[in-house]
Amino acid sequence: MIKNLKYIGLQLCTCTWIEIMTGVGITLYLLYLQSYMLAALTFALFAPLIALHFVLTKLSKLEDCTCRSTK
């Protein structure tokens, strides 16, 4: 249980999750203010950055697996 909480806490402090929370927060706030065009622009700017981080994380995990299997 404690190990899971540590893992969740560590994941929430990574760069990707901070960017996700920032992007979602700004977008939701702009939607609350009924600034739909700015909300769409914010989403369009944050989405590729977040996607890039997920792709790099997946590639990093794949590299770790292939390095371990060759040893």
Protein backbone atom coordinates (compact mmCIF):
# COMPACT_ATOMS: atom_id res chain seq x y z
CA MET A 1 0.00 0.00 0.00
CA ILE A 2 2.72 2.49 0.98
CA LYS A 3 4.77 1.46 -2.04
CA ASN A 4 1.80 2.27 -4.29
CA LEU A 5 1.34 5.67 -2.65
CA LYS A 6 5.01 6.47 -3.17
CA TYR A 7 4.73 5.48 -6.84
CA ILE A 8 1.63 7.63 -7.35
CA GLY A 9 3.27 10.57 -5.58
CA LEU A 10 6.38 10.23 -7.69
CA GLN A 11 4.35 10.07 -10.90
CA LEU A 12 2.40 13.20 -9.98
CA CYS A 13 5.66 15.11 -9.51
CA THR A 14 7.08 14.27 -12.93
CA CYS A 15 7.34 16.89 -15.61
CA THR A 16 4.62 15.28 -17.73
CA TRP A 17 2.01 15.30 -14.99
CA ILE A 18 2.82 18.86 -14.00
CA GLU A 19 2.33 19.91 -17.63
CA ILE A 20 -0.92 17.95 -17.88
CA MET A 21 -2.31 19.53 -14.72
CA THR A 22 -1.23 23.00 -15.84
CA GLY A 23 -2.73 22.58 -19.32
CA VAL A 24 -5.99 21.19 -17.99
CA GLY A 25 -6.21 23.88 -15.31
CA ILE A 26 -5.65 26.73 -17.74
CA THR A 27 -8.04 25.25 -20.29
CA LEU A 28 -10.80 24.69 -17.72
CA TYR A 29 -10.35 28.19 -16.33
CA LEU A 30 -10.64 29.69 -19.80
CA LEU A 31 -13.76 27.61 -20.42
CA TYR A 32 -15.16 28.90 -17.12
CA LEU A 33 -14.50 32.45 -18.37
CA GLN A 34 -16.23 31.49 -21.64
CA SER A 35 -13.10 32.21 -23.67
CA TYR A 36 -13.58 29.28 -25.99
CA MET A 37 -11.07 30.37 -28.60
CA LEU A 38 -8.30 30.84 -26.02
CA ALA A 39 -9.20 27.50 -24.42
CA ALA A 40 -8.88 25.78 -27.80
CA LEU A 41 -5.58 27.54 -28.43
CA THR A 42 -4.27 26.49 -25.03
CA PHE A 43 -5.29 22.90 -25.69
CA ALA A 44 -3.65 23.01 -29.11
CA LEU A 45 -0.40 24.28 -27.59
CA PHE A 46 -0.24 21.86 -24.67
CA ALA A 47 -1.38 18.69 -26.48
CA PRO A 48 1.73 18.17 -28.65
CA LEU A 49 4.04 18.83 -25.71
CA ILE A 50 2.23 16.32 -23.53
CA ALA A 51 2.11 13.78 -26.36
CA LEU A 52 5.85 14.19 -26.89
CA HIS A 53 6.52 13.38 -23.24
CA PHE A 54 4.38 10.23 -23.40
CA VAL A 55 6.17 9.09 -26.57
CA LEU A 56 9.58 9.71 -25.03
CA THR A 57 8.57 7.83 -21.89
CA LYS A 58 7.41 4.84 -23.95
CA LEU A 59 10.61 4.87 -26.01
CA SER A 60 12.69 5.06 -22.85
CA LYS A 61 10.88 2.06 -21.38
CA LEU A 62 11.35 0.11 -24.61
CA GLU A 63 15.07 0.91 -24.58
CA ASP A 64 15.36 -0.28 -20.99
CA CYS A 65 13.64 -3.56 -21.87
CA THR A 66 15.82 -4.21 -24.91
CA CYS A 67 19.00 -3.38 -23.01
CA ARG A 68 18.10 -5.75 -20.21
CA SER A 69 17.13 -8.59 -22.55
CA THR A 70 20.42 -8.44 -24.45
CA LYS A 71 22.53 -8.74 -21.28
